[in-house]
PDB file of N, CA and C in Angstrom:
ATOM      1  N   MET A   1     -12.119  -2.170 -29.928  1.00  0.00           N
ATOM      2  CA  MET A   1     -11.849  -2.938 -28.731  1.00  0.00           C
ATOM      3  C   MET A   1     -10.482  -2.589 -28.150  1.00  0.00           C
ATOM      4  N   LYS A   2      -9.596  -2.105 -28.972  1.00  0.00           N
ATOM      5  CA  LYS A   2      -8.275  -1.764 -28.470  1.00  0.00           C
ATOM      6  C   LYS A   2      -8.359  -0.624 -27.455  1.00  0.00           C
ATOM      7  N   ILE A   3      -9.231   0.356 -27.700  1.00  0.00           N
ATOM      8  CA  ILE A   3      -9.382   1.480 -26.764  1.00  0.00           C
ATOM      9  C   ILE A   3      -9.921   0.973 -25.430  1.00  0.00           C
ATOM     10  N   LEU A   4     -10.898   0.062 -25.478  1.00  0.00           N
ATOM     11  CA  LEU A   4     -11.456  -0.500 -24.248  1.00  0.00           C
ATOM     12  C   LEU A   4     -10.382  -1.238 -23.452  1.00  0.00           C
ATOM     13  N   THR A   5      -9.521  -1.967 -24.135  1.00  0.00           N
ATOM     14  CA  THR A   5      -8.439  -2.675 -23.464  1.00  0.00           C
ATOM     15  C   THR A   5      -7.453  -1.700 -22.840  1.00  0.00           C
ATOM     16  N   GLN A   6      -7.155  -0.615 -23.525  1.00  0.00           N
ATOM     17  CA  GLN A   6      -6.248   0.392 -22.970  1.00  0.00           C
ATOM     18  C   GLN A   6      -6.852   1.063 -21.741  1.00  0.00           C
ATOM     19  N   VAL A   7      -8.136   1.386 -21.788  1.00  0.00           N
ATOM     20  CA  VAL A   7      -8.807   1.984 -20.625  1.00  0.00           C
ATOM     21  C   VAL A   7      -8.792   1.001 -19.464  1.00  0.00           C
ATOM     22  N   ALA A   8      -9.081  -0.264 -19.749  1.00  0.00           N
ATOM     23  CA  ALA A   8      -9.068  -1.286 -18.699  1.00  0.00           C
ATOM     24  C   ALA A   8      -7.678  -1.426 -18.089  1.00  0.00           C
ATOM     25  N   LEU A   9      -6.656  -1.372 -18.929  1.00  0.00           N
ATOM     26  CA  LEU A   9      -5.293  -1.482 -18.418  1.00  0.00           C
ATOM     27  C   LEU A   9      -4.952  -0.309 -17.507  1.00  0.00           C
ATOM     28  N   TRP A  10      -5.318   0.909 -17.902  1.00  0.00           N
ATOM     29  CA  TRP A  10      -5.064   2.086 -17.064  1.00  0.00           C
ATOM     30  C   TRP A  10      -5.822   1.994 -15.739  1.00  0.00           C
ATOM     31  N   LEU A  11      -7.058   1.511 -15.779  1.00  0.00           N
ATOM     32  CA  LEU A  11      -7.814   1.348 -14.534  1.00  0.00           C
ATOM     33  C   LEU A  11      -7.143   0.320 -13.629  1.00  0.00           C
ATOM     34  N   LEU A  12      -6.603  -0.753 -14.216  1.00  0.00           N
ATOM     35  CA  LEU A  12      -5.898  -1.747 -13.410  1.00  0.00           C
ATOM     36  C   LEU A  12      -4.619  -1.179 -12.816  1.00  0.00           C
ATOM     37  N   ILE A  13      -3.927  -0.349 -13.555  1.00  0.00           N
ATOM     38  CA  ILE A  13      -2.719   0.291 -13.013  1.00  0.00           C
ATOM     39  C   ILE A  13      -3.092   1.187 -11.841  1.00  0.00           C
ATOM     40  N   ILE A  14      -4.128   1.990 -12.007  1.00  0.00           N
ATOM     41  CA  ILE A  14      -4.578   2.866 -10.914  1.00  0.00           C
ATOM     42  C   ILE A  14      -5.013   2.033  -9.715  1.00  0.00           C
ATOM     43  N   GLY A  15      -5.767   0.965  -9.967  1.00  0.00           N
ATOM     44  CA  GLY A  15      -6.206   0.094  -8.882  1.00  0.00           C
ATOM     45  C   GLY A  15      -5.037  -0.587  -8.182  1.00  0.00           C
ATOM     46  N   GLY A  16      -4.051  -1.015  -8.967  1.00  0.00           N
ATOM     47  CA  GLY A  16      -2.877  -1.649  -8.374  1.00  0.00           C
ATOM     48  C   GLY A  16      -2.083  -0.691  -7.508  1.00  0.00           C
ATOM     49  N   LEU A  17      -1.938   0.542  -7.986  1.00  0.00           N
ATOM     50  CA  LEU A  17      -1.241   1.548  -7.177  1.00  0.00           C
ATOM     51  C   LEU A  17      -2.017   1.842  -5.891  1.00  0.00           C
ATOM     52  N   ASN A  18      -3.334   1.888  -5.985  1.00  0.00           N
ATOM     53  CA  ASN A  18      -4.145   2.122  -4.786  1.00  0.00           C
ATOM     54  C   ASN A  18      -3.968   0.980  -3.788  1.00  0.00           C
ATOM     55  N   TRP A  19      -3.962  -0.274  -4.290  1.00  0.00           N
ATOM     56  CA  TRP A  19      -3.754  -1.410  -3.395  1.00  0.00           C
ATOM     57  C   TRP A  19      -2.354  -1.396  -2.794  1.00  0.00           C
ATOM     58  N   GLY A  20      -1.380  -0.923  -3.559  1.00  0.00           N
ATOM     59  CA  GLY A  20      -0.028  -0.771  -3.014  1.00  0.00           C
ATOM     60  C   GLY A  20       0.003   0.234  -1.875  1.00  0.00           C
ATOM     61  N   LEU A  21      -0.704   1.342  -2.047  1.00  0.00           N
ATOM     62  CA  LEU A  21      -0.789   2.338  -0.972  1.00  0.00           C
ATOM     63  C   LEU A  21      -1.469   1.759   0.265  1.00  0.00           C
ATOM     64  N   ILE A  22      -2.506   0.972   0.043  1.00  0.00           N
ATOM     65  CA  ILE A  22      -3.204   0.341   1.174  1.00  0.00           C
ATOM     66  C   ILE A  22      -2.264  -0.636   1.878  1.00  0.00           C
ATOM     67  N   GLY A  23      -1.570  -1.453   1.103  1.00  0.00           N
ATOM     68  CA  GLY A  23      -0.699  -2.465   1.684  1.00  0.00           C
ATOM     69  C   GLY A  23       0.500  -1.898   2.425  1.00  0.00           C
ATOM     70  N   PHE A  24       1.131  -0.889   1.840  1.00  0.00           N
ATOM     71  CA  PHE A  24       2.348  -0.344   2.448  1.00  0.00           C
ATOM     72  C   PHE A  24       2.084   0.705   3.517  1.00  0.00           C
ATOM     73  N   PHE A  25       1.067   1.518   3.307  1.00  0.00           N
ATOM     74  CA  PHE A  25       0.858   2.663   4.192  1.00  0.00           C
ATOM     75  C   PHE A  25      -0.507   2.704   4.863  1.00  0.00           C
ATOM     76  N   GLY A  26      -1.393   1.764   4.543  1.00  0.00           N
ATOM     77  CA  GLY A  26      -2.734   1.784   5.112  1.00  0.00           C
ATOM     78  C   GLY A  26      -3.553   2.976   4.638  1.00  0.00           C
ATOM     79  N   PHE A  27      -3.237   3.477   3.435  1.00  0.00           N
ATOM     80  CA  PHE A  27      -3.898   4.669   2.915  1.00  0.00           C
ATOM     81  C   PHE A  27      -4.652   4.324   1.631  1.00  0.00           C
ATOM     82  N   ASP A  28      -5.958   4.503   1.652  1.00  0.00           N
ATOM     83  CA  ASP A  28      -6.810   4.240   0.493  1.00  0.00           C
ATOM     84  C   ASP A  28      -7.066   5.564  -0.222  1.00  0.00           C
ATOM     85  N   LEU A  29      -6.377   5.776  -1.330  1.00  0.00           N
ATOM     86  CA  LEU A  29      -6.483   7.039  -2.059  1.00  0.00           C
ATOM     87  C   LEU A  29      -7.877   7.264  -2.618  1.00  0.00           C
ATOM     88  N   VAL A  30      -8.513   6.224  -3.124  1.00  0.00           N
ATOM     89  CA  VAL A  30      -9.866   6.356  -3.677  1.00  0.00           C
ATOM     90  C   VAL A  30     -10.831   6.806  -2.583  1.00  0.00           C
ATOM     91  N   ALA A  31     -10.744   6.190  -1.422  1.00  0.00           N
ATOM     92  CA  ALA A  31     -11.621   6.578  -0.312  1.00  0.00           C
ATOM     93  C   ALA A  31     -11.312   7.992   0.162  1.00  0.00           C
ATOM     94  N   ALA A  32     -10.037   8.368   0.150  1.00  0.00           N
ATOM     95  CA  ALA A  32      -9.660   9.713   0.576  1.00  0.00           C
ATOM     96  C   ALA A  32     -10.189  10.766  -0.389  1.00  0.00           C
ATOM     97  N   LEU A  33     -10.184  10.447  -1.674  1.00  0.00           N
ATOM     98  CA  LEU A  33     -10.645  11.420  -2.668  1.00  0.00           C
ATOM     99  C   LEU A  33     -12.169  11.496  -2.786  1.00  0.00           C
ATOM    100  N   PHE A  34     -12.827  10.348  -2.702  1.00  0.00           N
ATOM    101  CA  PHE A  34     -14.256  10.292  -3.004  1.00  0.00           C
ATOM    102  C   PHE A  34     -15.140   9.867  -1.838  1.00  0.00           C
ATOM    103  N   GLY A  35     -14.542   9.566  -0.697  1.00  0.00           N
ATOM    104  CA  GLY A  35     -15.318   9.145   0.467  1.00  0.00           C
ATOM    105  C   GLY A  35     -15.327   7.633   0.586  1.00  0.00           C
ATOM    106  N   ALA A  36     -15.213   7.168   1.813  1.00  0.00           N
ATOM    107  CA  ALA A  36     -15.194   5.725   2.060  1.00  0.00           C
ATOM    108  C   ALA A  36     -16.544   5.129   1.684  1.00  0.00           C
ATOM    109  N   MET A  37     -16.522   4.231   0.735  1.00  0.00           N
ATOM    110  CA  MET A  37     -17.688   3.505   0.242  1.00  0.00           C
ATOM    111  C   MET A  37     -18.819   4.431  -0.223  1.00  0.00           C
ATOM    112  N   SER A  38     -18.453   5.590  -0.750  1.00  0.00           N
ATOM    113  CA  SER A  38     -19.453   6.446  -1.388  1.00  0.00           C
ATOM    114  C   SER A  38     -19.845   5.805  -2.717  1.00  0.00           C
ATOM    115  N   VAL A  39     -20.865   6.330  -3.335  1.00  0.00           N
ATOM    116  CA  VAL A  39     -21.310   5.788  -4.615  1.00  0.00           C
ATOM    117  C   VAL A  39     -20.182   5.885  -5.647  1.00  0.00           C
ATOM    118  N   LEU A  40     -19.474   7.001  -5.666  1.00  0.00           N
ATOM    119  CA  LEU A  40     -18.398   7.184  -6.635  1.00  0.00           C
ATOM    120  C   LEU A  40     -17.222   6.249  -6.370  1.00  0.00           C
ATOM    121  N   SER A  41     -16.840   6.078  -5.112  1.00  0.00           N
ATOM    122  CA  SER A  41     -15.725   5.168  -4.826  1.00  0.00           C
ATOM    123  C   SER A  41     -16.116   3.725  -5.142  1.00  0.00           C
ATOM    124  N   ARG A  42     -17.349   3.349  -4.857  1.00  0.00           N
ATOM    125  CA  ARG A  42     -17.814   1.996  -5.193  1.00  0.00           C
ATOM    126  C   ARG A  42     -17.829   1.788  -6.700  1.00  0.00           C
ATOM    127  N   LEU A  43     -18.196   2.823  -7.451  1.00  0.00           N
ATOM    128  CA  LEU A  43     -18.181   2.745  -8.901  1.00  0.00           C
ATOM    129  C   LEU A  43     -16.750   2.542  -9.410  1.00  0.00           C
ATOM    130  N   ILE A  44     -15.804   3.258  -8.835  1.00  0.00           N
ATOM    131  CA  ILE A  44     -14.404   3.107  -9.238  1.00  0.00           C
ATOM    132  C   ILE A  44     -13.915   1.698  -8.925  1.00  0.00           C
ATOM    133  N   TYR A  45     -14.209   1.201  -7.723  1.00  0.00           N
ATOM    134  CA  TYR A  45     -13.807  -0.168  -7.370  1.00  0.00           C
ATOM    135  C   TYR A  45     -14.434  -1.180  -8.340  1.00  0.00           C
ATOM    136  N   ALA A  46     -15.697  -0.986  -8.680  1.00  0.00           N
ATOM    137  CA  ALA A  46     -16.382  -1.891  -9.604  1.00  0.00           C
ATOM    138  C   ALA A  46     -15.751  -1.836 -10.990  1.00  0.00           C
ATOM    139  N   LEU A  47     -15.410  -0.638 -11.454  1.00  0.00           N
ATOM    140  CA  LEU A  47     -14.778  -0.505 -12.771  1.00  0.00           C
ATOM    141  C   LEU A  47     -13.410  -1.173 -12.804  1.00  0.00           C
ATOM    142  N   VAL A  48     -12.673  -1.080 -11.716  1.00  0.00           N
ATOM    143  CA  VAL A  48     -11.374  -1.768 -11.643  1.00  0.00           C
ATOM    144  C   VAL A  48     -11.589  -3.281 -11.712  1.00  0.00           C
ATOM    145  N   GLY A  49     -12.596  -3.786 -11.029  1.00  0.00           N
ATOM    146  CA  GLY A  49     -12.896  -5.219 -11.073  1.00  0.00           C
ATOM    147  C   GLY A  49     -13.323  -5.683 -12.456  1.00  0.00           C
ATOM    148  N   VAL A  50     -14.187  -4.921 -13.108  1.00  0.00           N
ATOM    149  CA  VAL A  50     -14.615  -5.254 -14.469  1.00  0.00           C
ATOM    150  C   VAL A  50     -13.423  -5.184 -15.424  1.00  0.00           C
ATOM    151  N   SER A  51     -12.549  -4.228 -15.201  1.00  0.00           N
ATOM    152  CA  SER A  51     -11.341  -4.107 -16.031  1.00  0.00           C
ATOM    153  C   SER A  51     -10.472  -5.347 -15.900  1.00  0.00           C
ATOM    154  N   ALA A  52     -10.348  -5.868 -14.699  1.00  0.00           N
ATOM    155  CA  ALA A  52      -9.559  -7.086 -14.492  1.00  0.00           C
ATOM    156  C   ALA A  52     -10.152  -8.249 -15.291  1.00  0.00           C
ATOM    157  N   VAL A  53     -11.466  -8.395 -15.243  1.00  0.00           N
ATOM    158  CA  VAL A  53     -12.121  -9.464 -15.995  1.00  0.00           C
ATOM    159  C   VAL A  53     -11.883  -9.264 -17.494  1.00  0.00           C
ATOM    160  N   TRP A  54     -12.012  -8.037 -17.968  1.00  0.00           N
ATOM    161  CA  TRP A  54     -11.799  -7.745 -19.390  1.00  0.00           C
ATOM    162  C   TRP A  54     -10.369  -8.103 -19.816  1.00  0.00           C
ATOM    163  N   ILE A  55      -9.387  -7.708 -19.015  1.00  0.00           N
ATOM    164  CA  ILE A  55      -7.990  -7.988 -19.356  1.00  0.00           C
ATOM    165  C   ILE A  55      -7.718  -9.491 -19.349  1.00  0.00           C
ATOM    166  N   ILE A  56      -8.303 -10.221 -18.418  1.00  0.00           N
ATOM    167  CA  ILE A  56      -8.144 -11.681 -18.381  1.00  0.00           C
ATOM    168  C   ILE A  56      -8.710 -12.304 -19.654  1.00  0.00           C
ATOM    169  N   ILE A  57      -9.919 -11.890 -20.034  1.00  0.00           N
ATOM    170  CA  ILE A  57     -10.542 -12.424 -21.256  1.00  0.00           C
ATOM    171  C   ILE A  57      -9.695 -12.068 -22.476  1.00  0.00           C
ATOM    172  N   ASP A  58      -9.251 -10.826 -22.553  1.00  0.00           N
ATOM    173  CA  ASP A  58      -8.427 -10.375 -23.682  1.00  0.00           C
ATOM    174  C   ASP A  58      -7.113 -11.166 -23.748  1.00  0.00           C
ATOM    175  N   PHE A  59      -6.490 -11.366 -22.603  1.00  0.00           N
ATOM    176  CA  PHE A  59      -5.226 -12.098 -22.544  1.00  0.00           C
ATOM    177  C   PHE A  59      -5.390 -13.522 -23.072  1.00  0.00           C
ATOM    178  N   PHE A  60      -6.394 -14.240 -22.576  1.00  0.00           N
ATOM    179  CA  PHE A  60      -6.561 -15.626 -22.986  1.00  0.00           C
ATOM    180  C   PHE A  60      -7.050 -15.749 -24.420  1.00  0.00           C
ATOM    181  N   SER A  61      -7.848 -14.812 -24.893  1.00  0.00           N
ATOM    182  CA  SER A  61      -8.272 -14.881 -26.289  1.00  0.00           C
ATOM    183  C   SER A  61      -7.091 -14.605 -27.214  1.00  0.00           C
ATOM    184  N   ASN A  62      -6.202 -13.687 -26.822  1.00  0.00           N
ATOM    185  CA  ASN A  62      -4.996 -13.442 -27.629  1.00  0.00           C
ATOM    186  C   ASN A  62      -4.064 -14.645 -27.605  1.00  0.00           C
ATOM    187  N   MET A  63      -3.981 -15.334 -26.462  1.00  0.00           N
ATOM    188  CA  MET A  63      -3.149 -16.537 -26.388  1.00  0.00           C
ATOM    189  C   MET A  63      -3.696 -17.604 -27.332  1.00  0.00           C
ATOM    190  N   ARG A  64      -5.016 -17.760 -27.340  1.00  0.00           N
ATOM    191  CA  ARG A  64      -5.641 -18.764 -28.188  1.00  0.00           C
ATOM    192  C   ARG A  64      -5.414 -18.438 -29.666  1.00  0.00           C
ATOM    193  N   LEU A  65      -5.548 -17.157 -30.018  1.00  0.00           N
ATOM    194  CA  LEU A  65      -5.317 -16.765 -31.405  1.00  0.00           C
ATOM    195  C   LEU A  65      -3.868 -16.991 -31.808  1.00  0.00           C
ATOM    196  N   LYS A  66      -2.938 -16.745 -30.896  1.00  0.00           N
ATOM    197  CA  LYS A  66      -1.525 -16.957 -31.188  1.00  0.00           C
ATOM    198  C   LYS A  66      -1.243 -18.435 -31.395  1.00  0.00           C
ATOM    199  N   GLN A  67      -1.888 -19.295 -30.599  1.00  0.00           N
ATOM    200  CA  GLN A  67      -1.680 -20.735 -30.761  1.00  0.00           C
ATOM    201  C   GLN A  67      -2.240 -21.210 -32.094  1.00  0.00           C
ATOM    202  N   LEU A  68      -3.341 -20.611 -32.545  1.00  0.00           N
ATOM    203  CA  LEU A  68      -3.916 -21.002 -33.827  1.00  0.00           C
ATOM    204  C   LEU A  68      -3.022 -20.573 -34.988  1.00  0.00           C
ATOM    205  N   ASP A  69      -2.287 -19.490 -34.807  1.00  0.00           N
ATOM    206  CA  ASP A  69      -1.378 -19.019 -35.861  1.00  0.00           C
ATOM    207  C   ASP A  69      -0.141 -19.881 -35.990  1.00  0.00           C
ATOM    208  N   ASP A  70       0.262 -20.534 -34.896  1.00  0.00           N
ATOM    209  CA  ASP A  70       1.493 -21.351 -34.907  1.00  0.00           C
ATOM    210  C   ASP A  70       1.300 -22.665 -35.596  1.00  0.00           C
TER     211      ASP A  70
END
């Protein structure tokens, strides 16, 4: 599960940088590389979203385990 969390974290970093580019410069790197709303760009957006959910679940489960240890 640690590898999955690391992959999810990297996808979130990439997604965050892409959103930063959109916010500051109006430039969507994913769309520029793979086509606006192409199957591949939609897959990347979906993976970033699933990664966010995974990291949220991982974060709160680790918090709960830490509270049980205290």
